[in-house]
Amino acid sequence: MGSRLNPIQKQKIGIVRALLKNPDIMIVNGATKIFEGKMRDQIEGYIHQEMAGKCIVWALDGREKKSDFDQII
């Protein structure tokens, strides 16, 4: 079954599986780079919604700009 999934579908499943574990801390390292435009915004919004009040460590490369974090290091 897994071999029939395209890379975007595999990435969505990986994100959902991580969120289903209800972690206190989630590390996101380029997990949303594969998505584009509105889909990327929706998935990132969903991650923020599901992780509200918890810690997200979001590794960004130099080209990405984010402003919706409590703290940027």
C-alpha atoms as a PDB file:
ATOM      1  CA  MET A   1       0.000   0.000   0.000  1.00  0.00           C
ATOM      2  CA  GLY A   2       2.704   2.487   0.951  1.00  0.00           C
ATOM      3  CA  SER A   3       4.393   2.175  -2.406  1.00  0.00           C
ATOM      4  CA  ARG A   4       1.258   3.495  -4.123  1.00  0.00           C
ATOM      5  CA  LEU A   5       1.367   6.765  -2.223  1.00  0.00           C
ATOM      6  CA  ASN A   6       3.019   9.811  -3.751  1.00  0.00           C
ATOM      7  CA  PRO A   7       5.517  11.851  -1.679  1.00  0.00           C
ATOM      8  CA  ILE A   8       2.900  14.440  -0.686  1.00  0.00           C
ATOM      9  CA  GLN A   9       0.517  11.760   0.587  1.00  0.00           C
ATOM     10  CA  LYS A  10       3.329  10.096   2.535  1.00  0.00           C
ATOM     11  CA  GLN A  11       4.264  13.412   4.148  1.00  0.00           C
ATOM     12  CA  LYS A  12       0.646  14.133   5.139  1.00  0.00           C
ATOM     13  CA  ILE A  13       0.386  10.699   6.750  1.00  0.00           C
ATOM     14  CA  GLY A  14       3.635  11.272   8.639  1.00  0.00           C
ATOM     15  CA  ILE A  15       2.415  14.591  10.052  1.00  0.00           C
ATOM     16  CA  VAL A  16      -0.962  13.139  11.065  1.00  0.00           C
ATOM     17  CA  ARG A  17       0.688  10.117  12.708  1.00  0.00           C
ATOM     18  CA  ALA A  18       2.938  12.422  14.718  1.00  0.00           C
ATOM     19  CA  LEU A  19      -0.045  14.541  15.843  1.00  0.00           C
ATOM     20  CA  LEU A  20      -2.099  11.463  16.780  1.00  0.00           C
ATOM     21  CA  LYS A  21       0.549  10.602  19.362  1.00  0.00           C
ATOM     22  CA  ASN A  22      -0.394  13.896  21.087  1.00  0.00           C
ATOM     23  CA  PRO A  23       3.197  14.866  21.904  1.00  0.00           C
ATOM     24  CA  ASP A  24       4.145  17.616  24.350  1.00  0.00           C
ATOM     25  CA  ILE A  25       6.991  18.577  22.017  1.00  0.00           C
ATOM     26  CA  MET A  26       7.008  18.292  18.232  1.00  0.00           C
ATOM     27  CA  ILE A  27      10.077  18.817  16.078  1.00  0.00           C
ATOM     28  CA  VAL A  28       9.315  19.876  12.514  1.00  0.00           C
ATOM     29  CA  ASN A  29      12.325  19.854  10.205  1.00  0.00           C
ATOM     30  CA  GLY A  30      11.272  20.732   6.691  1.00  0.00           C
ATOM     31  CA  ALA A  31       8.126  18.619   6.952  1.00  0.00           C
ATOM     32  CA  THR A  32       6.001  21.158   5.115  1.00  0.00           C
ATOM     33  CA  LYS A  33       8.475  22.098   2.363  1.00  0.00           C
ATOM     34  CA  ILE A  34       6.952  19.550   0.011  1.00  0.00           C
ATOM     35  CA  PHE A  35       3.605  21.392   0.095  1.00  0.00           C
ATOM     36  CA  GLU A  36       2.893  24.601  -1.773  1.00  0.00           C
ATOM     37  CA  GLY A  37       0.703  27.642  -1.309  1.00  0.00           C
ATOM     38  CA  LYS A  38      -2.661  27.258   0.382  1.00  0.00           C
ATOM     39  CA  MET A  39      -2.111  23.581   1.232  1.00  0.00           C
ATOM     40  CA  ARG A  40       1.103  24.426   3.073  1.00  0.00           C
ATOM     41  CA  ASP A  41      -0.618  27.218   5.000  1.00  0.00           C
ATOM     42  CA  GLN A  42      -3.494  24.896   5.954  1.00  0.00           C
ATOM     43  CA  ILE A  43      -1.189  22.129   7.166  1.00  0.00           C
ATOM     44  CA  GLU A  44       0.999  24.525   9.156  1.00  0.00           C
ATOM     45  CA  GLY A  45      -2.143  26.067  10.673  1.00  0.00           C
ATOM     46  CA  TYR A  46      -3.407  22.616  11.627  1.00  0.00           C
ATOM     47  CA  ILE A  47      -0.084  21.795  13.311  1.00  0.00           C
ATOM     48  CA  HIS A  48      -0.272  25.058  15.288  1.00  0.00           C
ATOM     49  CA  GLN A  49      -3.902  24.363  16.230  1.00  0.00           C
ATOM     50  CA  GLU A  50      -3.248  20.808  17.395  1.00  0.00           C
ATOM     51  CA  MET A  51      -0.101  21.801  19.275  1.00  0.00           C
ATOM     52  CA  ALA A  52      -1.624  24.864  20.995  1.00  0.00           C
ATOM     53  CA  GLY A  53      -0.075  25.300  24.419  1.00  0.00           C
ATOM     54  CA  LYS A  54       2.677  22.837  23.609  1.00  0.00           C
ATOM     55  CA  CYS A  55       6.203  23.206  22.280  1.00  0.00           C
ATOM     56  CA  ILE A  56       6.966  23.146  18.561  1.00  0.00           C
ATOM     57  CA  VAL A  57      10.591  23.267  17.464  1.00  0.00           C
ATOM     58  CA  TRP A  58      10.391  24.289  13.814  1.00  0.00           C
ATOM     59  CA  ALA A  59      13.692  24.173  11.932  1.00  0.00           C
ATOM     60  CA  LEU A  60      13.674  26.631   9.030  1.00  0.00           C
ATOM     61  CA  ASP A  61      16.244  27.271   6.357  1.00  0.00           C
ATOM     62  CA  GLY A  62      17.421  30.800   5.583  1.00  0.00           C
ATOM     63  CA  ARG A  63      14.861  31.314   2.823  1.00  0.00           C
ATOM     64  CA  GLU A  64      11.824  30.684   4.988  1.00  0.00           C
ATOM     65  CA  LYS A  65      10.248  33.505   6.954  1.00  0.00           C
ATOM     66  CA  LYS A  66       7.860  32.898   9.821  1.00  0.00           C
ATOM     67  CA  SER A  67       6.325  35.363  12.223  1.00  0.00           C
ATOM     68  CA  ASP A  68       3.688  33.318  14.019  1.00  0.00           C
ATOM     69  CA  PHE A  69       5.956  31.901  16.717  1.00  0.00           C
ATOM     70  CA  ASP A  70       6.305  32.910  20.349  1.00  0.00           C
ATOM     71  CA  GLN A  71      10.077  32.842  20.129  1.00  0.00           C
ATOM     72  CA  ILE A  72      12.481  32.791  17.188  1.00  0.00           C
ATOM     73  CA  ILE A  73      16.076  31.786  17.845  1.00  0.00           C
END
